[in-house]
């Protein structure tokens, strides 16, 4: 059975990252206010990013990874700018130092 990692954009511009085996059902839950607290408070939501996995534990692990990312790094992923992801993994101090070089 397939599993999904997804990112929603909320009405206030914030992002919500989740994972599920039942994407359509889970999206409707979010849209109807029966999803997570965050999405419930910032309706409507829009699906803006999706990854497909063969196992739910892989989707869940990816969810947890992305949840720890900065907004800028999430936006690079959403915009399919994978070449920018390694540099965005550096801490802020290192990024500023590289800009000065």
PDB file of N, CA and C in Angstrom:
ATOM      1  N   UNK A   1       0.837  -1.178   0.000  1.00  0.00           N
ATOM      2  CA  UNK A   1       0.000   0.000   0.000  1.00  0.00           C
ATOM      3  C   UNK A   1       0.883   1.243   0.000  1.00  0.00           C
ATOM      4  N   UNK A   2       0.523   2.214  -0.789  1.00  0.00           N
ATOM      5  CA  UNK A   2       1.289   3.453  -0.864  1.00  0.00           C
ATOM      6  C   UNK A   2       1.057   4.310   0.369  1.00  0.00           C
ATOM      7  N   UNK A   3       2.029   5.154   0.634  1.00  0.00           N
ATOM      8  CA  UNK A   3       1.947   6.119   1.728  1.00  0.00           C
ATOM      9  C   UNK A   3       2.439   7.459   1.187  1.00  0.00           C
ATOM     10  N   UNK A   4       2.030   8.514   1.841  1.00  0.00           N
ATOM     11  CA  UNK A   4       2.288   9.851   1.314  1.00  0.00           C
ATOM     12  C   UNK A   4       2.840  10.789   2.379  1.00  0.00           C
ATOM     13  N   UNK A   5       3.807  11.567   1.976  1.00  0.00           N
ATOM     14  CA  UNK A   5       4.280  12.710   2.741  1.00  0.00           C
ATOM     15  C   UNK A   5       3.686  13.913   2.013  1.00  0.00           C
ATOM     16  N   UNK A   6       3.092  14.836   2.738  1.00  0.00           N
ATOM     17  CA  UNK A   6       2.484  15.981   2.073  1.00  0.00           C
ATOM     18  C   UNK A   6       2.767  17.264   2.836  1.00  0.00           C
ATOM     19  N   UNK A   7       2.752  18.360   2.095  1.00  0.00           N
ATOM     20  CA  UNK A   7       2.849  19.687   2.693  1.00  0.00           C
ATOM     21  C   UNK A   7       1.642  20.477   2.237  1.00  0.00           C
ATOM     22  N   UNK A   8       0.958  21.067   3.211  1.00  0.00           N
ATOM     23  CA  UNK A   8      -0.178  21.927   2.939  1.00  0.00           C
ATOM     24  C   UNK A   8       0.216  23.373   3.176  1.00  0.00           C
ATOM     25  N   UNK A   9      -0.328  24.260   2.380  1.00  0.00           N
ATOM     26  CA  UNK A   9      -0.198  25.689   2.654  1.00  0.00           C
ATOM     27  C   UNK A   9      -1.513  26.139   3.258  1.00  0.00           C
ATOM     28  N   UNK A  10      -1.435  26.772   4.412  1.00  0.00           N
ATOM     29  CA  UNK A  10      -2.621  27.243   5.113  1.00  0.00           C
ATOM     30  C   UNK A  10      -2.964  28.662   4.667  1.00  0.00           C
ATOM     31  N   UNK A  11      -4.152  29.104   5.023  1.00  0.00           N
ATOM     32  CA  UNK A  11      -4.636  30.419   4.590  1.00  0.00           C
ATOM     33  C   UNK A  11      -3.749  31.562   5.057  1.00  0.00           C
ATOM     34  N   UNK A  12      -3.018  31.389   6.139  1.00  0.00           N
ATOM     35  CA  UNK A  12      -2.124  32.442   6.634  1.00  0.00           C
ATOM     36  C   UNK A  12      -0.726  32.347   6.030  1.00  0.00           C
ATOM     37  N   UNK A  13      -0.527  31.418   5.085  1.00  0.00           N
ATOM     38  CA  UNK A  13       0.768  31.249   4.434  1.00  0.00           C
ATOM     39  C   UNK A  13       1.696  30.277   5.140  1.00  0.00           C
ATOM     40  N   UNK A  14       1.300  29.760   6.295  1.00  0.00           N
ATOM     41  CA  UNK A  14       2.122  28.788   7.011  1.00  0.00           C
ATOM     42  C   UNK A  14       2.030  27.424   6.327  1.00  0.00           C
ATOM     43  N   UNK A  15       2.975  26.558   6.664  1.00  0.00           N
ATOM     44  CA  UNK A  15       3.015  25.211   6.102  1.00  0.00           C
ATOM     45  C   UNK A  15       2.699  24.182   7.175  1.00  0.00           C
ATOM     46  N   UNK A  16       2.021  23.128   6.744  1.00  0.00           N
ATOM     47  CA  UNK A  16       1.761  21.981   7.610  1.00  0.00           C
ATOM     48  C   UNK A  16       2.291  20.755   6.881  1.00  0.00           C
ATOM     49  N   UNK A  17       3.117  19.964   7.557  1.00  0.00           N
ATOM     50  CA  UNK A  17       3.689  18.759   6.977  1.00  0.00           C
ATOM     51  C   UNK A  17       3.097  17.542   7.667  1.00  0.00           C
ATOM     52  N   UNK A  18       2.633  16.569   6.878  1.00  0.00           N
ATOM     53  CA  UNK A  18       2.038  15.371   7.447  1.00  0.00           C
ATOM     54  C   UNK A  18       2.308  14.149   6.590  1.00  0.00           C
ATOM     55  N   UNK A  19       1.856  13.001   7.079  1.00  0.00           N
ATOM     56  CA  UNK A  19       1.972  11.760   6.319  1.00  0.00           C
ATOM     57  C   UNK A  19       0.727  10.927   6.560  1.00  0.00           C
ATOM     58  N   UNK A  20       0.392  10.104   5.575  1.00  0.00           N
ATOM     59  CA  UNK A  20      -0.819   9.296   5.658  1.00  0.00           C
ATOM     60  C   UNK A  20      -0.783   8.179   4.620  1.00  0.00           C
ATOM     61  N   UNK A  21      -1.625   7.188   4.821  1.00  0.00           N
ATOM     62  CA  UNK A  21      -1.851   6.162   3.802  1.00  0.00           C
ATOM     63  C   UNK A  21      -3.042   6.525   2.925  1.00  0.00           C
ATOM     64  N   UNK A  22      -3.876   7.433   3.385  1.00  0.00           N
ATOM     65  CA  UNK A  22      -5.134   7.763   2.710  1.00  0.00           C
ATOM     66  C   UNK A  22      -5.178   9.265   2.418  1.00  0.00           C
ATOM     67  N   UNK A  23      -4.500   9.666   1.359  1.00  0.00           N
ATOM     68  CA  UNK A  23      -4.293  11.087   1.080  1.00  0.00           C
ATOM     69  C   UNK A  23      -5.599  11.855   0.884  1.00  0.00           C
ATOM     70  N   UNK A  24      -6.490  11.372   0.046  1.00  0.00           N
ATOM     71  CA  UNK A  24      -7.734  12.100  -0.227  1.00  0.00           C
ATOM     72  C   UNK A  24      -8.561  12.254   1.043  1.00  0.00           C
ATOM     73  N   UNK A  25      -8.680  11.188   1.802  1.00  0.00           N
ATOM     74  CA  UNK A  25      -9.438  11.232   3.049  1.00  0.00           C
ATOM     75  C   UNK A  25      -8.810  12.210   4.046  1.00  0.00           C
ATOM     76  N   UNK A  26      -7.489  12.158   4.181  1.00  0.00           N
ATOM     77  CA  UNK A  26      -6.805  13.033   5.134  1.00  0.00           C
ATOM     78  C   UNK A  26      -6.903  14.495   4.713  1.00  0.00           C
ATOM     79  N   UNK A  27      -6.789  14.757   3.411  1.00  0.00           N
ATOM     80  CA  UNK A  27      -6.918  16.127   2.933  1.00  0.00           C
ATOM     81  C   UNK A  27      -8.315  16.677   3.248  1.00  0.00           C
ATOM     82  N   UNK A  28      -9.334  15.885   3.018  1.00  0.00           N
ATOM     83  CA  UNK A  28     -10.701  16.323   3.339  1.00  0.00           C
ATOM     84  C   UNK A  28     -10.867  16.577   4.831  1.00  0.00           C
ATOM     85  N   UNK A  29     -10.233  15.758   5.658  1.00  0.00           N
ATOM     86  CA  UNK A  29     -10.279  16.002   7.099  1.00  0.00           C
ATOM     87  C   UNK A  29      -9.680  17.366   7.432  1.00  0.00           C
ATOM     88  N   UNK A  30      -8.540  17.665   6.841  1.00  0.00           N
ATOM     89  CA  UNK A  30      -7.925  18.976   7.066  1.00  0.00           C
ATOM     90  C   UNK A  30      -8.862  20.085   6.588  1.00  0.00           C
ATOM     91  N   UNK A  31      -9.402  19.957   5.392  1.00  0.00           N
ATOM     92  CA  UNK A  31     -10.265  20.995   4.816  1.00  0.00           C
ATOM     93  C   UNK A  31     -11.532  21.200   5.630  1.00  0.00           C
ATOM     94  N   UNK A  32     -12.040  20.144   6.231  1.00  0.00           N
ATOM     95  CA  UNK A  32     -13.287  20.222   6.994  1.00  0.00           C
ATOM     96  C   UNK A  32     -13.081  20.562   8.461  1.00  0.00           C
ATOM     97  N   UNK A  33     -11.858  20.868   8.847  1.00  0.00           N
ATOM     98  CA  UNK A  33     -11.583  21.247  10.226  1.00  0.00           C
ATOM     99  C   UNK A  33     -11.454  20.075  11.172  1.00  0.00           C
ATOM    100  N   UNK A  34     -11.342  18.867  10.636  1.00  0.00           N
ATOM    101  CA  UNK A  34     -11.207  17.678  11.469  1.00  0.00           C
ATOM    102  C   UNK A  34      -9.776  17.145  11.452  1.00  0.00           C
ATOM    103  N   UNK A  35      -8.855  17.925  10.906  1.00  0.00           N
ATOM    104  CA  UNK A  35      -7.449  17.522  10.854  1.00  0.00           C
ATOM    105  C   UNK A  35      -6.707  18.023  12.075  1.00  0.00           C
ATOM    106  N   UNK A  36      -5.483  18.408  11.881  1.00  0.00           N
ATOM    107  CA  UNK A  36      -4.637  18.891  12.963  1.00  0.00           C
ATOM    108  C   UNK A  36      -5.105  20.256  13.476  1.00  0.00           C
ATOM    109  N   UNK A  37      -4.754  20.562  14.716  1.00  0.00           N
ATOM    110  CA  UNK A  37      -5.100  21.861  15.303  1.00  0.00           C
ATOM    111  C   UNK A  37      -4.635  23.015  14.433  1.00  0.00           C
ATOM    112  N   UNK A  38      -3.412  22.912  13.915  1.00  0.00           N
ATOM    113  CA  UNK A  38      -2.859  24.013  13.120  1.00  0.00           C
ATOM    114  C   UNK A  38      -3.709  24.288  11.888  1.00  0.00           C
ATOM    115  N   UNK A  39      -4.047  23.248  11.143  1.00  0.00           N
ATOM    116  CA  UNK A  39      -4.825  23.471   9.925  1.00  0.00           C
ATOM    117  C   UNK A  39      -6.249  23.914  10.262  1.00  0.00           C
ATOM    118  N   UNK A  40      -6.787  23.423  11.340  1.00  0.00           N
ATOM    119  CA  UNK A  40      -8.138  23.801  11.768  1.00  0.00           C
ATOM    120  C   UNK A  40      -8.239  25.306  12.000  1.00  0.00           C
ATOM    121  N   UNK A  41      -7.174  25.893  12.512  1.00  0.00           N
ATOM    122  CA  UNK A  41      -7.165  27.324  12.826  1.00  0.00           C
ATOM    123  C   UNK A  41      -6.833  28.197  11.622  1.00  0.00           C
ATOM    124  N   UNK A  42      -6.376  27.581  10.514  1.00  0.00           N
ATOM    125  CA  UNK A  42      -5.909  28.360   9.368  1.00  0.00           C
ATOM    126  C   UNK A  42      -6.504  27.846   8.055  1.00  0.00           C
ATOM    127  N   UNK A  43      -7.789  27.638   8.036  1.00  0.00           N
ATOM    128  CA  UNK A  43      -8.479  27.164   6.828  1.00  0.00           C
ATOM    129  C   UNK A  43      -8.717  28.318   5.872  1.00  0.00           C
ATOM    130  N   UNK A  44      -8.820  28.025   4.571  1.00  0.00           N
ATOM    131  CA  UNK A  44      -8.666  26.710   3.938  1.00  0.00           C
ATOM    132  C   UNK A  44      -7.190  26.365   3.744  1.00  0.00           C
ATOM    133  N   UNK A  45      -6.958  25.105   3.379  1.00  0.00           N
ATOM    134  CA  UNK A  45      -5.610  24.637   3.108  1.00  0.00           C
ATOM    135  C   UNK A  45      -5.513  24.193   1.654  1.00  0.00           C
ATOM    136  N   UNK A  46      -4.276  24.184   1.154  1.00  0.00           N
ATOM    137  CA  UNK A  46      -4.035  23.793  -0.229  1.00  0.00           C
ATOM    138  C   UNK A  46      -2.862  22.818  -0.245  1.00  0.00           C
ATOM    139  N   UNK A  47      -3.009  21.718  -0.950  1.00  0.00           N
ATOM    140  CA  UNK A  47      -1.927  20.747  -1.102  1.00  0.00           C
ATOM    141  C   UNK A  47      -0.900  21.325  -2.070  1.00  0.00           C
ATOM    142  N   UNK A  48       0.361  21.477  -1.596  1.00  0.00           N
ATOM    143  CA  UNK A  48       1.367  22.093  -2.461  1.00  0.00           C
ATOM    144  C   UNK A  48       2.584  21.203  -2.713  1.00  0.00           C
ATOM    145  N   UNK A  49       2.691  20.088  -1.985  1.00  0.00           N
ATOM    146  CA  UNK A  49       3.842  19.209  -2.192  1.00  0.00           C
ATOM    147  C   UNK A  49       3.472  17.793  -1.777  1.00  0.00           C
ATOM    148  N   UNK A  50       4.033  16.817  -2.493  1.00  0.00           N
ATOM    149  CA  UNK A  50       3.701  15.418  -2.245  1.00  0.00           C
ATOM    150  C   UNK A  50       4.882  14.525  -2.600  1.00  0.00           C
ATOM    151  N   UNK A  51       5.147  13.533  -1.745  1.00  0.00           N
ATOM    152  CA  UNK A  51       6.092  12.455  -2.042  1.00  0.00           C
ATOM    153  C   UNK A  51       5.369  11.144  -1.778  1.00  0.00           C
ATOM    154  N   UNK A  52       5.638  10.156  -2.604  1.00  0.00           N
ATOM    155  CA  UNK A  52       4.989   8.846  -2.488  1.00  0.00           C
ATOM    156  C   UNK A  52       6.018   7.817  -2.021  1.00  0.00           C
ATOM    157  N   UNK A  53       5.610   6.978  -1.070  1.00  0.00           N
ATOM    158  CA  UNK A  53       6.465   5.940  -0.504  1.00  0.00           C
ATOM    159  C   UNK A  53       5.749   4.600  -0.560  1.00  0.00           C
ATOM    160  N   UNK A  54       6.519   3.529  -0.459  1.00  0.00           N
ATOM    161  CA  UNK A  54       5.938   2.187  -0.420  1.00  0.00           C
ATOM    162  C   UNK A  54       5.483   1.802   0.980  1.00  0.00           C
ATOM    163  N   UNK A  55       6.016   2.495   1.986  1.00  0.00           N
ATOM    164  CA  UNK A  55       5.680   2.149   3.375  1.00  0.00           C
ATOM    165  C   UNK A  55       5.384   3.412   4.174  1.00  0.00           C
ATOM    166  N   UNK A  56       4.434   3.312   5.101  1.00  0.00           N
ATOM    167  CA  UNK A  56       4.050   4.461   5.910  1.00  0.00           C
ATOM    168  C   UNK A  56       5.172   4.899   6.841  1.00  0.00           C
ATOM    169  N   UNK A  57       5.977   3.968   7.336  1.00  0.00           N
ATOM    170  CA  UNK A  57       7.053   4.384   8.225  1.00  0.00           C
ATOM    171  C   UNK A  57       8.092   5.235   7.499  1.00  0.00           C
ATOM    172  N   UNK A  58       8.284   4.995   6.217  1.00  0.00           N
ATOM    173  CA  UNK A  58       9.198   5.832   5.442  1.00  0.00           C
ATOM    174  C   UNK A  58       8.614   7.231   5.261  1.00  0.00           C
ATOM    175  N   UNK A  59       7.326   7.310   4.983  1.00  0.00           N
ATOM    176  CA  UNK A  59       6.666   8.615   4.847  1.00  0.00           C
ATOM    177  C   UNK A  59       6.696   9.370   6.179  1.00  0.00           C
ATOM    178  N   UNK A  60       6.466   8.664   7.268  1.00  0.00           N
ATOM    179  CA  UNK A  60       6.481   9.291   8.594  1.00  0.00           C
ATOM    180  C   UNK A  60       7.873   9.816   8.943  1.00  0.00           C
ATOM    181  N   UNK A  61       8.907   9.025   8.643  1.00  0.00           N
ATOM    182  CA  UNK A  61      10.278   9.465   8.905  1.00  0.00           C
ATOM    183  C   UNK A  61      10.621  10.705   8.095  1.00  0.00           C
ATOM    184  N   UNK A  62      10.171  10.742   6.852  1.00  0.00           N
ATOM    185  CA  UNK A  62      10.404  11.922   6.007  1.00  0.00           C
ATOM    186  C   UNK A  62       9.645  13.130   6.566  1.00  0.00           C
ATOM    187  N   UNK A  63       8.426  12.904   7.037  1.00  0.00           N
ATOM    188  CA  UNK A  63       7.644  13.977   7.663  1.00  0.00           C
ATOM    189  C   UNK A  63       8.429  14.599   8.808  1.00  0.00           C
ATOM    190  N   UNK A  64       8.955  13.771   9.698  1.00  0.00           N
ATOM    191  CA  UNK A  64       9.696  14.266  10.857  1.00  0.00           C
ATOM    192  C   UNK A  64      10.959  15.014  10.430  1.00  0.00           C
ATOM    193  N   UNK A  65      11.610  14.535   9.379  1.00  0.00           N
ATOM    194  CA  UNK A  65      12.792  15.214   8.867  1.00  0.00           C
ATOM    195  C   UNK A  65      12.429  16.624   8.387  1.00  0.00           C
ATOM    196  N   UNK A  66      11.410  16.717   7.566  1.00  0.00           N
ATOM    197  CA  UNK A  66      11.021  18.007   6.980  1.00  0.00           C
ATOM    198  C   UNK A  66      10.465  18.957   8.038  1.00  0.00           C
ATOM    199  N   UNK A  67       9.776  18.431   9.027  1.00  0.00           N
ATOM    200  CA  UNK A  67       9.244  19.293  10.083  1.00  0.00           C
ATOM    201  C   UNK A  67      10.348  20.058  10.805  1.00  0.00           C
ATOM    202  N   UNK A  68      11.546  19.521  10.816  1.00  0.00           N
ATOM    203  CA  UNK A  68      12.661  20.193  11.473  1.00  0.00           C
ATOM    204  C   UNK A  68      13.356  21.233  10.598  1.00  0.00           C
ATOM    205  N   UNK A  69      12.938  21.354   9.371  1.00  0.00           N
ATOM    206  CA  UNK A  69      13.573  22.272   8.438  1.00  0.00           C
ATOM    207  C   UNK A  69      13.072  23.699   8.611  1.00  0.00           C
ATOM    208  N   UNK A  70      13.876  24.633   8.159  1.00  0.00           N
ATOM    209  CA  UNK A  70      13.473  26.044   8.129  1.00  0.00           C
ATOM    210  C   UNK A  70      12.435  26.244   7.018  1.00  0.00           C
ATOM    211  N   UNK A  71      11.740  27.345   7.097  1.00  0.00           N
ATOM    212  CA  UNK A  71      10.772  27.695   6.058  1.00  0.00           C
ATOM    213  C   UNK A  71      11.469  27.806   4.703  1.00  0.00           C
ATOM    214  N   UNK A  72      12.654  28.418   4.687  1.00  0.00           N
ATOM    215  CA  UNK A  72      13.400  28.601   3.442  1.00  0.00           C
ATOM    216  C   UNK A  72      13.753  27.260   2.807  1.00  0.00           C
ATOM    217  N   UNK A  73      14.158  26.308   3.623  1.00  0.00           N
ATOM    218  CA  UNK A  73      14.507  24.985   3.098  1.00  0.00           C
ATOM    219  C   UNK A  73      13.259  24.264   2.581  1.00  0.00           C
ATOM    220  N   UNK A  74      12.149  24.381   3.297  1.00  0.00           N
ATOM    221  CA  UNK A  74      10.892  23.778   2.819  1.00  0.00           C
ATOM    222  C   UNK A  74      10.493  24.379   1.481  1.00  0.00           C
ATOM    223  N   UNK A  75      10.662  25.683   1.336  1.00  0.00           N
ATOM    224  CA  UNK A  75      10.290  26.339   0.079  1.00  0.00           C
ATOM    225  C   UNK A  75      11.179  25.880  -1.073  1.00  0.00           C
ATOM    226  N   UNK A  76      12.452  25.637  -0.811  1.00  0.00           N
ATOM    227  CA  UNK A  76      13.337  25.106  -1.851  1.00  0.00           C
ATOM    228  C   UNK A  76      12.855  23.719  -2.285  1.00  0.00           C
ATOM    229  N   UNK A  77      12.444  22.894  -1.337  1.00  0.00           N
ATOM    230  CA  UNK A  77      11.907  21.570  -1.660  1.00  0.00           C
ATOM    231  C   UNK A  77      10.637  21.696  -2.489  1.00  0.00           C
ATOM    232  N   UNK A  78       9.725  22.537  -2.053  1.00  0.00           N
ATOM    233  CA  UNK A  78       8.448  22.733  -2.745  1.00  0.00           C
ATOM    234  C   UNK A  78       8.666  23.215  -4.182  1.00  0.00           C
ATOM    235  N   UNK A  79       9.653  24.081  -4.362  1.00  0.00           N
ATOM    236  CA  UNK A  79       9.942  24.652  -5.689  1.00  0.00           C
ATOM    237  C   UNK A  79      10.864  23.764  -6.520  1.00  0.00           C
ATOM    238  N   UNK A  80      11.155  22.559  -6.010  1.00  0.00           N
ATOM    239  CA  UNK A  80      12.003  21.598  -6.711  1.00  0.00           C
ATOM    240  C   UNK A  80      13.407  22.151  -6.963  1.00  0.00           C
ATOM    241  N   UNK A  81      13.932  22.862  -5.988  1.00  0.00           N
ATOM    242  CA  UNK A  81      15.285  23.423  -6.066  1.00  0.00           C
ATOM    243  C   UNK A  81      16.222  22.599  -5.181  1.00  0.00           C
ATOM    244  N   UNK A  82      16.313  21.315  -5.492  1.00  0.00           N
ATOM    245  CA  UNK A  82      17.082  20.388  -4.658  1.00  0.00           C
ATOM    246  C   UNK A  82      18.554  20.763  -4.567  1.00  0.00           C
ATOM    247  N   UNK A  83      19.065  21.467  -5.561  1.00  0.00           N
ATOM    248  CA  UNK A  83      20.473  21.870  -5.513  1.00  0.00           C
ATOM    249  C   UNK A  83      20.748  22.850  -4.370  1.00  0.00           C
ATOM    250  N   UNK A  84      19.715  23.527  -3.861  1.00  0.00           N
ATOM    251  CA  UNK A  84      19.876  24.487  -2.767  1.00  0.00           C
ATOM    252  C   UNK A  84      19.777  23.845  -1.383  1.00  0.00           C
ATOM    253  N   UNK A  85      19.274  22.623  -1.308  1.00  0.00           N
ATOM    254  CA  UNK A  85      19.033  22.000  -0.006  1.00  0.00           C
ATOM    255  C   UNK A  85      20.291  21.808   0.837  1.00  0.00           C
ATOM    256  N   UNK A  86      21.414  21.334   0.274  1.00  0.00           N
ATOM    257  CA  UNK A  86      22.596  21.156   1.132  1.00  0.00           C
ATOM    258  C   UNK A  86      23.058  22.455   1.792  1.00  0.00           C
ATOM    259  N   UNK A  87      23.088  23.545   1.051  1.00  0.00           N
ATOM    260  CA  UNK A  87      23.501  24.824   1.619  1.00  0.00           C
ATOM    261  C   UNK A  87      22.548  25.324   2.686  1.00  0.00           C
ATOM    262  N   UNK A  88      21.282  24.989   2.543  1.00  0.00           N
ATOM    263  CA  UNK A  88      20.292  25.410   3.531  1.00  0.00           C
ATOM    264  C   UNK A  88      20.349  24.547   4.781  1.00  0.00           C
ATOM    265  N   UNK A  89      21.101  23.461   4.718  1.00  0.00           N
ATOM    266  CA  UNK A  89      21.270  22.608   5.889  1.00  0.00           C
ATOM    267  C   UNK A  89      22.307  23.164   6.845  1.00  0.00           C
ATOM    268  N   UNK A  90      23.149  24.031   6.355  1.00  0.00           N
ATOM    269  CA  UNK A  90      24.145  24.648   7.219  1.00  0.00           C
ATOM    270  C   UNK A  90      23.455  25.564   8.216  1.00  0.00           C
ATOM    271  N   UNK A  91      24.033  25.706   9.375  1.00  0.00           N
ATOM    272  CA  UNK A  91      23.413  26.614  10.334  1.00  0.00           C
ATOM    273  C   UNK A  91      23.587  28.055   9.863  1.00  0.00           C
ATOM    274  N   UNK A  92      22.810  28.946  10.412  1.00  0.00           N
ATOM    275  CA  UNK A  92      22.758  30.332   9.960  1.00  0.00           C
ATOM    276  C   UNK A  92      24.129  30.998   9.995  1.00  0.00           C
ATOM    277  N   UNK A  93      24.895  30.766  11.035  1.00  0.00           N
ATOM    278  CA  UNK A  93      26.208  31.382  11.176  1.00  0.00           C
ATOM    279  C   UNK A  93      27.127  30.972  10.022  1.00  0.00           C
ATOM    280  N   UNK A  94      27.108  29.689   9.657  1.00  0.00           N
ATOM    281  CA  UNK A  94      27.945  29.209   8.560  1.00  0.00           C
ATOM    282  C   UNK A  94      27.481  29.786   7.221  1.00  0.00           C
ATOM    283  N   UNK A  95      26.164  29.908   7.017  1.00  0.00           N
ATOM    284  CA  UNK A  95      25.650  30.479   5.767  1.00  0.00           C
ATOM    285  C   UNK A  95      26.099  31.927   5.632  1.00  0.00           C
ATOM    286  N   UNK A  96      26.033  32.688   6.716  1.00  0.00           N
ATOM    287  CA  UNK A  96      26.454  34.093   6.673  1.00  0.00           C
ATOM    288  C   UNK A  96      27.941  34.206   6.398  1.00  0.00           C
ATOM    289  N   UNK A  97      28.732  33.306   6.974  1.00  0.00           N
ATOM    290  CA  UNK A  97      30.174  33.314   6.740  1.00  0.00           C
ATOM    291  C   UNK A  97      30.492  33.027   5.282  1.00  0.00           C
ATOM    292  N   UNK A  98      29.765  32.094   4.663  1.00  0.00           N
ATOM    293  CA  UNK A  98      29.995  31.763   3.262  1.00  0.00           C
ATOM    294  C   UNK A  98      29.640  32.937   2.353  1.00  0.00           C
ATOM    295  N   UNK A  99      28.606  33.689   2.704  1.00  0.00           N
ATOM    296  CA  UNK A  99      28.212  34.845   1.904  1.00  0.00           C
ATOM    297  C   UNK A  99      29.302  35.907   1.919  1.00  0.00           C
ATOM    298  N   UNK A 100      30.046  35.992   3.015  1.00  0.00           N
ATOM    299  CA  UNK A 100      31.100  36.980   3.155  1.00  0.00           C
ATOM    300  C   UNK A 100      32.359  36.632   2.386  1.00  0.00           C
ATOM    301  N   UNK A 101      32.493  35.369   1.978  1.00  0.00           N
ATOM    302  CA  UNK A 101      33.699  34.931   1.244  1.00  0.00           C
ATOM    303  C   UNK A 101      33.723  35.468  -0.166  1.00  0.00           C
TER     304      UNK A 101
END
